Amino acid sequence: KYIFDFDDVLFQTTKHRKEHMFVLLQKAGIPLF
């Protein structure tokens, strides 16, 4: 039997957050900090 984690195992969460999600939030006018 195999137990998998999702974030940063099956889904590249850190990359998604830094390269996509945070970029779109910044474009919406929200400061990165």
Full PDB file with SEQRES, HELIX, SHEET, SSBOND, CRYST1, ORIGX, SCALE, CONECT and MASTER records, all heavy atoms in Angstrom:
SEQRES   1 A   33  LYS TYR ILE PHE ASP PHE ASP ASP VAL LEU PHE GLN THR          
SEQRES   2 A   33  THR LYS HIS ARG LYS GLU HIS MET PHE VAL LEU LEU GLN          
SEQRES   3 A   33  LYS ALA GLY ILE PRO LEU PHE                                  
HELIX    1 AA1 THR A   13  HIS A   16  1                                   4    
HELIX    2 AA2 ARG A   17  MET A   21  3                                   5    
HELIX    3 AA3 PHE A   22  LYS A   27  1                                   6    
CRYST1    1.000    1.000    1.000  90.00  90.00  90.00 P 1           1          
ORIGX1      1.000000  0.000000  0.000000        0.00000                         
ORIGX2      0.000000  1.000000  0.000000        0.00000                         
ORIGX3      0.000000  0.000000  1.000000        0.00000                         
SCALE1      1.000000  0.000000  0.000000        0.00000                         
SCALE2      0.000000  1.000000  0.000000        0.00000                         
SCALE3      0.000000  0.000000  1.000000        0.00000                         
ATOM      1  N   LYS A   1       0.861  -1.177   0.000  1.00  0.00           N  
ATOM      2  CA  LYS A   1       0.000   0.000   0.000  1.00  0.00           C  
ATOM      3  C   LYS A   1       0.899   1.229   0.000  1.00  0.00           C  
ATOM      4  O   LYS A   1       1.979   1.223   0.589  1.00  0.00           O  
ATOM      5  CB  LYS A   1      -0.921   0.025   1.237  1.00  0.00           C  
ATOM      6  CG  LYS A   1      -1.822  -1.192   1.363  1.00  0.00           C  
ATOM      7  CD  LYS A   1      -2.778  -1.325   0.197  1.00  0.00           C  
ATOM      8  CE  LYS A   1      -3.652  -2.557   0.355  1.00  0.00           C  
ATOM      9  NZ  LYS A   1      -4.347  -2.912  -0.856  1.00  0.00           N  
ATOM     10  N   TYR A   2       0.435   2.256  -0.671  1.00  0.00           N  
ATOM     11  CA  TYR A   2       1.222   3.482  -0.818  1.00  0.00           C  
ATOM     12  C   TYR A   2       0.405   4.676  -0.341  1.00  0.00           C  
ATOM     13  O   TYR A   2      -0.737   4.854  -0.765  1.00  0.00           O  
ATOM     14  CB  TYR A   2       1.620   3.691  -2.278  1.00  0.00           C  
ATOM     15  CG  TYR A   2       2.455   2.560  -2.818  1.00  0.00           C  
ATOM     16  CD1 TYR A   2       1.860   1.427  -3.358  1.00  0.00           C  
ATOM     17  CD2 TYR A   2       3.841   2.628  -2.779  1.00  0.00           C  
ATOM     18  CE1 TYR A   2       2.618   0.376  -3.840  1.00  0.00           C  
ATOM     19  CE2 TYR A   2       4.611   1.581  -3.267  1.00  0.00           C  
ATOM     20  CZ  TYR A   2       3.995   0.461  -3.796  1.00  0.00           C  
ATOM     21  OH  TYR A   2       4.757  -0.575  -4.273  1.00  0.00           O  
ATOM     22  N   ILE A   3       1.009   5.465   0.526  1.00  0.00           N  
ATOM     23  CA  ILE A   3       0.385   6.689   1.014  1.00  0.00           C  
ATOM     24  C   ILE A   3       1.191   7.853   0.441  1.00  0.00           C  
ATOM     25  O   ILE A   3       2.385   7.985   0.719  1.00  0.00           O  
ATOM     26  CB  ILE A   3       0.397   6.770   2.550  1.00  0.00           C  
ATOM     27  CG1 ILE A   3      -0.276   5.542   3.164  1.00  0.00           C  
ATOM     28  CG2 ILE A   3      -0.249   8.076   3.015  1.00  0.00           C  
ATOM     29  CD1 ILE A   3      -0.074   5.420   4.670  1.00  0.00           C  
ATOM     30  N   PHE A   4       0.535   8.668  -0.344  1.00  0.00           N  
ATOM     31  CA  PHE A   4       1.203   9.805  -0.977  1.00  0.00           C  
ATOM     32  C   PHE A   4       0.764  11.117  -0.344  1.00  0.00           C  
ATOM     33  O   PHE A   4      -0.407  11.299  -0.017  1.00  0.00           O  
ATOM     34  CB  PHE A   4       0.863   9.856  -2.475  1.00  0.00           C  
ATOM     35  CG  PHE A   4       1.419   8.713  -3.256  1.00  0.00           C  
ATOM     36  CD1 PHE A   4       0.667   7.561  -3.447  1.00  0.00           C  
ATOM     37  CD2 PHE A   4       2.692   8.768  -3.786  1.00  0.00           C  
ATOM     38  CE1 PHE A   4       1.174   6.492  -4.171  1.00  0.00           C  
ATOM     39  CE2 PHE A   4       3.218   7.703  -4.509  1.00  0.00           C  
ATOM     40  CZ  PHE A   4       2.452   6.555  -4.690  1.00  0.00           C  
ATOM     41  N   ASP A   5       1.704  12.018  -0.207  1.00  0.00           N  
ATOM     42  CA  ASP A   5       1.407  13.401   0.128  1.00  0.00           C  
ATOM     43  C   ASP A   5       1.039  14.086  -1.186  1.00  0.00           C  
ATOM     44  O   ASP A   5       1.409  13.612  -2.267  1.00  0.00           O  
ATOM     45  CB  ASP A   5       2.646  14.060   0.750  1.00  0.00           C  
ATOM     46  CG  ASP A   5       2.462  15.546   0.991  1.00  0.00           C  
ATOM     47  OD1 ASP A   5       1.421  15.946   1.545  1.00  0.00           O  
ATOM     48  OD2 ASP A   5       3.364  16.323   0.610  1.00  0.00           O  
ATOM     49  N   PHE A   6       0.340  15.194  -1.109  1.00  0.00           N  
ATOM     50  CA  PHE A   6      -0.056  15.913  -2.321  1.00  0.00           C  
ATOM     51  C   PHE A   6       0.899  17.061  -2.660  1.00  0.00           C  
ATOM     52  O   PHE A   6       1.532  17.063  -3.704  1.00  0.00           O  
ATOM     53  CB  PHE A   6      -1.489  16.436  -2.179  1.00  0.00           C  
ATOM     54  CG  PHE A   6      -1.990  17.149  -3.408  1.00  0.00           C  
ATOM     55  CD1 PHE A   6      -2.293  16.446  -4.559  1.00  0.00           C  
ATOM     56  CD2 PHE A   6      -2.131  18.528  -3.418  1.00  0.00           C  
ATOM     57  CE1 PHE A   6      -2.736  17.098  -5.710  1.00  0.00           C  
ATOM     58  CE2 PHE A   6      -2.577  19.189  -4.553  1.00  0.00           C  
ATOM     59  CZ  PHE A   6      -2.882  18.473  -5.699  1.00  0.00           C  
ATOM     60  N   ASP A   7       0.985  18.039  -1.756  1.00  0.00           N  
ATOM     61  CA  ASP A   7       1.758  19.253  -2.043  1.00  0.00           C  
ATOM     62  C   ASP A   7       3.251  18.973  -2.122  1.00  0.00           C  
ATOM     63  O   ASP A   7       3.845  18.423  -1.199  1.00  0.00           O  
ATOM     64  CB  ASP A   7       1.476  20.320  -0.979  1.00  0.00           C  
ATOM     65  CG  ASP A   7       0.041  20.839  -1.074  1.00  0.00           C  
ATOM     66  OD1 ASP A   7      -0.348  21.254  -2.177  1.00  0.00           O  
ATOM     67  OD2 ASP A   7      -0.662  20.819  -0.057  1.00  0.00           O  
ATOM     68  N   ASP A   8       3.839  19.347  -3.239  1.00  0.00           N  
ATOM     69  CA  ASP A   8       5.256  19.184  -3.554  1.00  0.00           C  
ATOM     70  C   ASP A   8       5.686  17.723  -3.687  1.00  0.00           C  
ATOM     71  O   ASP A   8       6.868  17.404  -3.669  1.00  0.00           O  
ATOM     72  CB  ASP A   8       6.152  19.958  -2.577  1.00  0.00           C  
ATOM     73  CG  ASP A   8       6.057  21.458  -2.828  1.00  0.00           C  
ATOM     74  OD1 ASP A   8       5.989  21.860  -4.005  1.00  0.00           O  
ATOM     75  OD2 ASP A   8       6.033  22.234  -1.856  1.00  0.00           O  
ATOM     76  N   VAL A   9       4.711  16.838  -3.831  1.00  0.00           N  
ATOM     77  CA  VAL A   9       4.969  15.452  -4.202  1.00  0.00           C  
ATOM     78  C   VAL A   9       4.225  15.197  -5.504  1.00  0.00           C  
ATOM     79  O   VAL A   9       4.842  15.061  -6.562  1.00  0.00           O  
ATOM     80  CB  VAL A   9       4.555  14.455  -3.087  1.00  0.00           C  
ATOM     81  CG1 VAL A   9       4.703  13.014  -3.573  1.00  0.00           C  
ATOM     82  CG2 VAL A   9       5.399  14.678  -1.832  1.00  0.00           C  
ATOM     83  N   LEU A  10       2.918  15.168  -5.456  1.00  0.00           N  
ATOM     84  CA  LEU A  10       2.099  14.942  -6.646  1.00  0.00           C  
ATOM     85  C   LEU A  10       1.834  16.242  -7.412  1.00  0.00           C  
ATOM     86  O   LEU A  10       1.667  16.243  -8.618  1.00  0.00           O  
ATOM     87  CB  LEU A  10       0.776  14.294  -6.242  1.00  0.00           C  
ATOM     88  CG  LEU A  10      -0.117  13.782  -7.349  1.00  0.00           C  
ATOM     89  CD1 LEU A  10       0.611  12.785  -8.241  1.00  0.00           C  
ATOM     90  CD2 LEU A  10      -1.360  13.145  -6.763  1.00  0.00           C  
ATOM     91  N   PHE A  11       1.812  17.332  -6.683  1.00  0.00           N  
ATOM     92  CA  PHE A  11       1.534  18.650  -7.267  1.00  0.00           C  
ATOM     93  C   PHE A  11       2.669  19.589  -6.871  1.00  0.00           C  
ATOM     94  O   PHE A  11       3.047  19.654  -5.698  1.00  0.00           O  
ATOM     95  CB  PHE A  11       0.195  19.168  -6.731  1.00  0.00           C  
ATOM     96  CG  PHE A  11      -0.243  20.489  -7.309  1.00  0.00           C  
ATOM     97  CD1 PHE A  11      -0.703  20.577  -8.607  1.00  0.00           C  
ATOM     98  CD2 PHE A  11      -0.201  21.638  -6.538  1.00  0.00           C  
ATOM     99  CE1 PHE A  11      -1.121  21.799  -9.139  1.00  0.00           C  
ATOM    100  CE2 PHE A  11      -0.616  22.862  -7.054  1.00  0.00           C  
ATOM    101  CZ  PHE A  11      -1.080  22.942  -8.354  1.00  0.00           C  
ATOM    102  N   GLN A  12       3.215  20.304  -7.840  1.00  0.00           N  
ATOM    103  CA  GLN A  12       4.348  21.209  -7.599  1.00  0.00           C  
ATOM    104  C   GLN A  12       3.839  22.516  -6.989  1.00  0.00           C  
ATOM    105  O   GLN A  12       3.830  23.565  -7.614  1.00  0.00           O  
ATOM    106  CB  GLN A  12       5.108  21.446  -8.900  1.00  0.00           C  
ATOM    107  CG  GLN A  12       5.667  20.176  -9.483  1.00  0.00           C  
ATOM    108  CD  GLN A  12       6.105  20.344 -10.927  1.00  0.00           C  
ATOM    109  OE1 GLN A  12       5.777  21.305 -11.599  1.00  0.00           O  
ATOM    110  NE2 GLN A  12       6.862  19.369 -11.410  1.00  0.00           N  
ATOM    111  N   THR A  13       3.443  22.420  -5.729  1.00  0.00           N  
ATOM    112  CA  THR A  13       2.781  23.516  -5.029  1.00  0.00           C  
ATOM    113  C   THR A  13       3.659  24.743  -4.897  1.00  0.00           C  
ATOM    114  O   THR A  13       3.201  25.865  -5.145  1.00  0.00           O  
ATOM    115  CB  THR A  13       2.336  23.038  -3.618  1.00  0.00           C  
ATOM    116  OG1 THR A  13       1.569  21.852  -3.792  1.00  0.00           O  
ATOM    117  CG2 THR A  13       1.530  24.092  -2.907  1.00  0.00           C  
ATOM    118  N   THR A  14       4.896  24.577  -4.488  1.00  0.00           N  
ATOM    119  CA  THR A  14       5.788  25.727  -4.296  1.00  0.00           C  
ATOM    120  C   THR A  14       5.995  26.451  -5.615  1.00  0.00           C  
ATOM    121  O   THR A  14       5.900  27.683  -5.676  1.00  0.00           O  
ATOM    122  CB  THR A  14       7.135  25.272  -3.694  1.00  0.00           C  
ATOM    123  OG1 THR A  14       6.875  24.630  -2.440  1.00  0.00           O  
ATOM    124  CG2 THR A  14       8.065  26.452  -3.488  1.00  0.00           C  
ATOM    125  N   LYS A  15       6.250  25.703  -6.666  1.00  0.00           N  
ATOM    126  CA  LYS A  15       6.427  26.304  -7.991  1.00  0.00           C  
ATOM    127  C   LYS A  15       5.143  27.017  -8.432  1.00  0.00           C  
ATOM    128  O   LYS A  15       5.178  28.140  -8.930  1.00  0.00           O  
ATOM    129  CB  LYS A  15       6.816  25.215  -8.989  1.00  0.00           C  
ATOM    130  CG  LYS A  15       7.158  25.716 -10.356  1.00  0.00           C  
ATOM    131  CD  LYS A  15       7.635  24.585 -11.247  1.00  0.00           C  
ATOM    132  CE  LYS A  15       7.963  25.116 -12.615  1.00  0.00           C  
ATOM    133  NZ  LYS A  15       8.440  24.082 -13.526  1.00  0.00           N  
ATOM    134  N   HIS A  16       3.997  26.380  -8.245  1.00  0.00           N  
ATOM    135  CA  HIS A  16       2.702  26.963  -8.599  1.00  0.00           C  
ATOM    136  C   HIS A  16       2.480  28.269  -7.834  1.00  0.00           C  
ATOM    137  O   HIS A  16       2.070  29.279  -8.406  1.00  0.00           O  
ATOM    138  CB  HIS A  16       1.578  25.973  -8.288  1.00  0.00           C  
ATOM    139  CG  HIS A  16       0.208  26.495  -8.538  1.00  0.00           C  
ATOM    140  ND1 HIS A  16      -0.570  27.030  -7.545  1.00  0.00           N  
ATOM    141  CD2 HIS A  16      -0.530  26.568  -9.680  1.00  0.00           C  
ATOM    142  CE1 HIS A  16      -1.734  27.422  -8.050  1.00  0.00           C  
ATOM    143  NE2 HIS A  16      -1.733  27.139  -9.342  1.00  0.00           N  
ATOM    144  N   ARG A  17       2.768  28.233  -6.551  1.00  0.00           N  
ATOM    145  CA  ARG A  17       2.561  29.412  -5.710  1.00  0.00           C  
ATOM    146  C   ARG A  17       3.458  30.570  -6.150  1.00  0.00           C  
ATOM    147  O   ARG A  17       2.992  31.683  -6.331  1.00  0.00           O  
ATOM    148  CB  ARG A  17       2.819  29.052  -4.243  1.00  0.00           C  
ATOM    149  CG  ARG A  17       2.556  30.195  -3.290  1.00  0.00           C  
ATOM    150  CD  ARG A  17       2.773  29.812  -1.838  1.00  0.00           C  
ATOM    151  NE  ARG A  17       4.168  29.584  -1.537  1.00  0.00           N  
ATOM    152  CZ  ARG A  17       4.708  28.413  -1.202  1.00  0.00           C  
ATOM    153  NH1 ARG A  17       3.972  27.334  -1.116  1.00  0.00           N  
ATOM    154  NH2 ARG A  17       5.994  28.311  -0.933  1.00  0.00           N  
ATOM    155  N   LYS A  18       4.736  30.293  -6.336  1.00  0.00           N  
ATOM    156  CA  LYS A  18       5.691  31.365  -6.643  1.00  0.00           C  
ATOM    157  C   LYS A  18       5.616  31.854  -8.085  1.00  0.00           C  
ATOM    158  O   LYS A  18       5.742  33.043  -8.348  1.00  0.00           O  
ATOM    159  CB  LYS A  18       7.115  30.895  -6.331  1.00  0.00           C  
ATOM    160  CG  LYS A  18       7.363  30.741  -4.846  1.00  0.00           C  
ATOM    161  CD  LYS A  18       8.769  30.276  -4.574  1.00  0.00           C  
ATOM    162  CE  LYS A  18       9.012  30.174  -3.079  1.00  0.00           C  
ATOM    163  NZ  LYS A  18      10.371  29.747  -2.777  1.00  0.00           N  
ATOM    164  N   GLU A  19       5.421  30.928  -9.024  1.00  0.00           N  
ATOM    165  CA  GLU A  19       5.462  31.297 -10.444  1.00  0.00           C  
ATOM    166  C   GLU A  19       4.109  31.648 -11.031  1.00  0.00           C  
ATOM    167  O   GLU A  19       4.041  32.201 -12.120  1.00  0.00           O  
ATOM    168  CB  GLU A  19       6.078  30.153 -11.261  1.00  0.00           C  
ATOM    169  CG  GLU A  19       7.527  29.900 -10.935  1.00  0.00           C  
ATOM    170  CD  GLU A  19       8.102  28.742 -11.724  1.00  0.00           C  
ATOM    171  OE1 GLU A  19       7.455  28.245 -12.670  1.00  0.00           O  
ATOM    172  OE2 GLU A  19       9.236  28.325 -11.382  1.00  0.00           O  
ATOM    173  N   HIS A  20       3.043  31.316 -10.342  1.00  0.00           N  
ATOM    174  CA  HIS A  20       1.721  31.554 -10.913  1.00  0.00           C  
ATOM    175  C   HIS A  20       0.792  32.307  -9.952  1.00  0.00           C  
ATOM    176  O   HIS A  20       0.381  33.427 -10.232  1.00  0.00           O  
ATOM    177  CB  HIS A  20       1.093  30.227 -11.348  1.00  0.00           C  
ATOM    178  CG  HIS A  20      -0.254  30.362 -11.974  1.00  0.00           C  
ATOM    179  ND1 HIS A  20      -0.459  31.020 -13.160  1.00  0.00           N  
ATOM    180  CD2 HIS A  20      -1.471  29.948 -11.550  1.00  0.00           C  
ATOM    181  CE1 HIS A  20      -1.747  31.004 -13.450  1.00  0.00           C  
ATOM    182  NE2 HIS A  20      -2.380  30.363 -12.493  1.00  0.00           N  
ATOM    183  N   MET A  21       0.475  31.676  -8.822  1.00  0.00           N  
ATOM    184  CA  MET A  21      -0.521  32.252  -7.916  1.00  0.00           C  
ATOM    185  C   MET A  21      -0.085  33.620  -7.390  1.00  0.00           C  
ATOM    186  O   MET A  21      -0.835  34.594  -7.498  1.00  0.00           O  
ATOM    187  CB  MET A  21      -0.782  31.298  -6.744  1.00  0.00           C  
ATOM    188  CG  MET A  21      -1.897  31.759  -5.833  1.00  0.00           C  
ATOM    189  SD  MET A  21      -2.413  30.470  -4.661  1.00  0.00           S  
ATOM    190  CE  MET A  21      -1.219  30.717  -3.360  1.00  0.00           C  
ATOM    191  N   PHE A  22       1.109  33.720  -6.836  1.00  0.00           N  
ATOM    192  CA  PHE A  22       1.558  34.994  -6.273  1.00  0.00           C  
ATOM    193  C   PHE A  22       1.713  36.058  -7.355  1.00  0.00           C  
ATOM    194  O   PHE A  22       1.457  37.228  -7.116  1.00  0.00           O  
ATOM    195  CB  PHE A  22       2.860  34.820  -5.504  1.00  0.00           C  
ATOM    196  CG  PHE A  22       2.701  34.215  -4.128  1.00  0.00           C  
ATOM    197  CD1 PHE A  22       1.509  33.641  -3.702  1.00  0.00           C  
ATOM    198  CD2 PHE A  22       3.761  34.211  -3.245  1.00  0.00           C  
ATOM    199  CE1 PHE A  22       1.374  33.082  -2.438  1.00  0.00           C  
ATOM    200  CE2 PHE A  22       3.644  33.661  -1.971  1.00  0.00           C  
ATOM    201  CZ  PHE A  22       2.453  33.096  -1.564  1.00  0.00           C  
ATOM    202  N   VAL A  23       2.089  35.655  -8.549  1.00  0.00           N  
ATOM    203  CA  VAL A  23       2.226  36.594  -9.670  1.00  0.00           C  
ATOM    204  C   VAL A  23       0.862  37.191 -10.008  1.00  0.00           C  
ATOM    205  O   VAL A  23       0.727  38.414 -10.180  1.00  0.00           O  
ATOM    206  CB  VAL A  23       2.860  35.902 -10.898  1.00  0.00           C  
ATOM    207  CG1 VAL A  23       2.801  36.793 -12.127  1.00  0.00           C  
ATOM    208  CG2 VAL A  23       4.303  35.500 -10.602  1.00  0.00           C  
ATOM    209  N   LEU A  24      -0.162  36.349 -10.087  1.00  0.00           N  
ATOM    210  CA  LEU A  24      -1.510  36.846 -10.392  1.00  0.00           C  
ATOM    211  C   LEU A  24      -2.060  37.728  -9.271  1.00  0.00           C  
ATOM    212  O   LEU A  24      -2.735  38.724  -9.536  1.00  0.00           O  
ATOM    213  CB  LEU A  24      -2.458  35.684 -10.670  1.00  0.00           C  
ATOM    214  CG  LEU A  24      -2.209  34.921 -11.971  1.00  0.00           C  
ATOM    215  CD1 LEU A  24      -3.162  33.741 -12.095  1.00  0.00           C  
ATOM    216  CD2 LEU A  24      -2.323  35.825 -13.179  1.00  0.00           C  
ATOM    217  N   LEU A  25      -1.767  37.377  -8.037  1.00  0.00           N  
ATOM    218  CA  LEU A  25      -2.216  38.200  -6.909  1.00  0.00           C  
ATOM    219  C   LEU A  25      -1.550  39.578  -6.948  1.00  0.00           C  
ATOM    220  O   LEU A  25      -2.195  40.598  -6.690  1.00  0.00           O  
ATOM    221  CB  LEU A  25      -1.927  37.490  -5.583  1.00  0.00           C  
ATOM    222  CG  LEU A  25      -2.739  36.214  -5.321  1.00  0.00           C  
ATOM    223  CD1 LEU A  25      -2.207  35.477  -4.095  1.00  0.00           C  
ATOM    224  CD2 LEU A  25      -4.213  36.516  -5.168  1.00  0.00           C  
ATOM    225  N   GLN A  26      -0.275  39.594  -7.301  1.00  0.00           N  
ATOM    226  CA  GLN A  26       0.427  40.873  -7.425  1.00  0.00           C  
ATOM    227  C   GLN A  26      -0.165  41.707  -8.560  1.00  0.00           C  
ATOM    228  O   GLN A  26      -0.345  42.917  -8.419  1.00  0.00           O  
ATOM    229  CB  GLN A  26       1.921  40.644  -7.674  1.00  0.00           C  
ATOM    230  CG  GLN A  26       2.674  40.223  -6.430  1.00  0.00           C  
ATOM    231  CD  GLN A  26       4.130  39.975  -6.748  1.00  0.00           C  
ATOM    232  OE1 GLN A  26       4.484  38.911  -7.244  1.00  0.00           O  
ATOM    233  NE2 GLN A  26       4.958  40.955  -6.475  1.00  0.00           N  
ATOM    234  N   LYS A  27      -0.475  41.062  -9.682  1.00  0.00           N  
ATOM    235  CA  LYS A  27      -1.090  41.774 -10.809  1.00  0.00           C  
ATOM    236  C   LYS A  27      -2.443  42.358 -10.419  1.00  0.00           C  
ATOM    237  O   LYS A  27      -2.877  43.355 -10.988  1.00  0.00           O  
ATOM    238  CB  LYS A  27      -1.244  40.848 -12.025  1.00  0.00           C  
ATOM    239  CG  LYS A  27       0.052  40.591 -12.750  1.00  0.00           C  
ATOM    240  CD  LYS A  27      -0.169  39.691 -13.955  1.00  0.00           C  
ATOM    241  CE  LYS A  27       1.144  39.389 -14.640  1.00  0.00           C  
ATOM    242  NZ  LYS A  27       0.972  38.453 -15.755  1.00  0.00           N  
ATOM    243  N   ALA A  28      -3.092  41.744  -9.432  1.00  0.00           N  
ATOM    244  CA  ALA A  28      -4.382  42.252  -8.941  1.00  0.00           C  
ATOM    245  C   ALA A  28      -4.184  43.410  -7.961  1.00  0.00           C  
ATOM    246  O   ALA A  28      -5.154  43.933  -7.416  1.00  0.00           O  
ATOM    247  CB  ALA A  28      -5.171  41.124  -8.284  1.00  0.00           C  
ATOM    248  N   GLY A  29      -2.915  43.778  -7.731  1.00  0.00           N  
ATOM    249  CA  GLY A  29      -2.622  44.944  -6.898  1.00  0.00           C  
ATOM    250  C   GLY A  29      -2.279  44.636  -5.450  1.00  0.00           C  
ATOM    251  O   GLY A  29      -2.183  45.545  -4.626  1.00  0.00           O  
ATOM    252  N   ILE A  30      -2.065  43.382  -5.130  1.00  0.00           N  
ATOM    253  CA  ILE A  30      -1.731  43.011  -3.754  1.00  0.00           C  
ATOM    254  C   ILE A  30      -0.209  42.942  -3.622  1.00  0.00           C  
ATOM    255  O   ILE A  30       0.440  42.209  -4.367  1.00  0.00           O  
ATOM    256  CB  ILE A  30      -2.363  41.653  -3.383  1.00  0.00           C  
ATOM    257  CG1 ILE A  30      -3.873  41.662  -3.667  1.00  0.00           C  
ATOM    258  CG2 ILE A  30      -2.084  41.313  -1.927  1.00  0.00           C  
ATOM    259  CD1 ILE A  30      -4.510  40.290  -3.693  1.00  0.00           C  
ATOM    260  N   PRO A  31       0.377  43.703  -2.690  1.00  0.00           N  
ATOM    261  CA  PRO A  31       1.836  43.686  -2.517  1.00  0.00           C  
ATOM    262  C   PRO A  31       2.332  42.297  -2.085  1.00  0.00           C  
ATOM    263  O   PRO A  31       1.695  41.630  -1.263  1.00  0.00           O  
ATOM    264  CB  PRO A  31       2.083  44.710  -1.410  1.00  0.00           C  
ATOM    265  CG  PRO A  31       0.844  45.527  -1.318  1.00  0.00           C  
ATOM    266  CD  PRO A  31      -0.275  44.643  -1.784  1.00  0.00           C  
ATOM    267  N   LEU A  32       3.473  41.900  -2.633  1.00  0.00           N  
ATOM    268  CA  LEU A  32       4.033  40.579  -2.352  1.00  0.00           C  
ATOM    269  C   LEU A  32       4.238  40.355  -0.856  1.00  0.00           C  
ATOM    270  O   LEU A  32       3.927  39.279  -0.343  1.00  0.00           O  
ATOM    271  CB  LEU A  32       5.349  40.366  -3.112  1.00  0.00           C  
ATOM    272  CG  LEU A  32       6.015  39.006  -2.928  1.00  0.00           C  
ATOM    273  CD1 LEU A  32       5.091  37.874  -3.375  1.00  0.00           C  
ATOM    274  CD2 LEU A  32       7.334  38.944  -3.687  1.00  0.00           C  
ATOM    275  N   PHE A  33       4.732  41.333  -0.132  1.00  0.00           N  
ATOM    276  CA  PHE A  33       4.974  41.128   1.299  1.00  0.00           C  
ATOM    277  C   PHE A  33       3.671  40.850   2.046  1.00  0.00           C  
ATOM    278  O   PHE A  33       3.657  40.071   3.002  1.00  0.00           O  
ATOM    279  CB  PHE A  33       5.751  42.295   1.921  1.00  0.00           C  
ATOM    280  CG  PHE A  33       4.931  43.541   2.159  1.00  0.00           C  
ATOM    281  CD1 PHE A  33       4.308  43.766   3.380  1.00  0.00           C  
ATOM    282  CD2 PHE A  33       4.790  44.497   1.158  1.00  0.00           C  
ATOM    283  CE1 PHE A  33       3.562  44.910   3.593  1.00  0.00           C  
ATOM    284  CE2 PHE A  33       4.034  45.642   1.373  1.00  0.00           C  
ATOM    285  CZ  PHE A  33       3.414  45.846   2.596  1.00  0.00           C  
TER     286      PHE A  33                                                      
MASTER        0    0    0    3    0    0    0    6  285    1    0    3          
END                                                                             
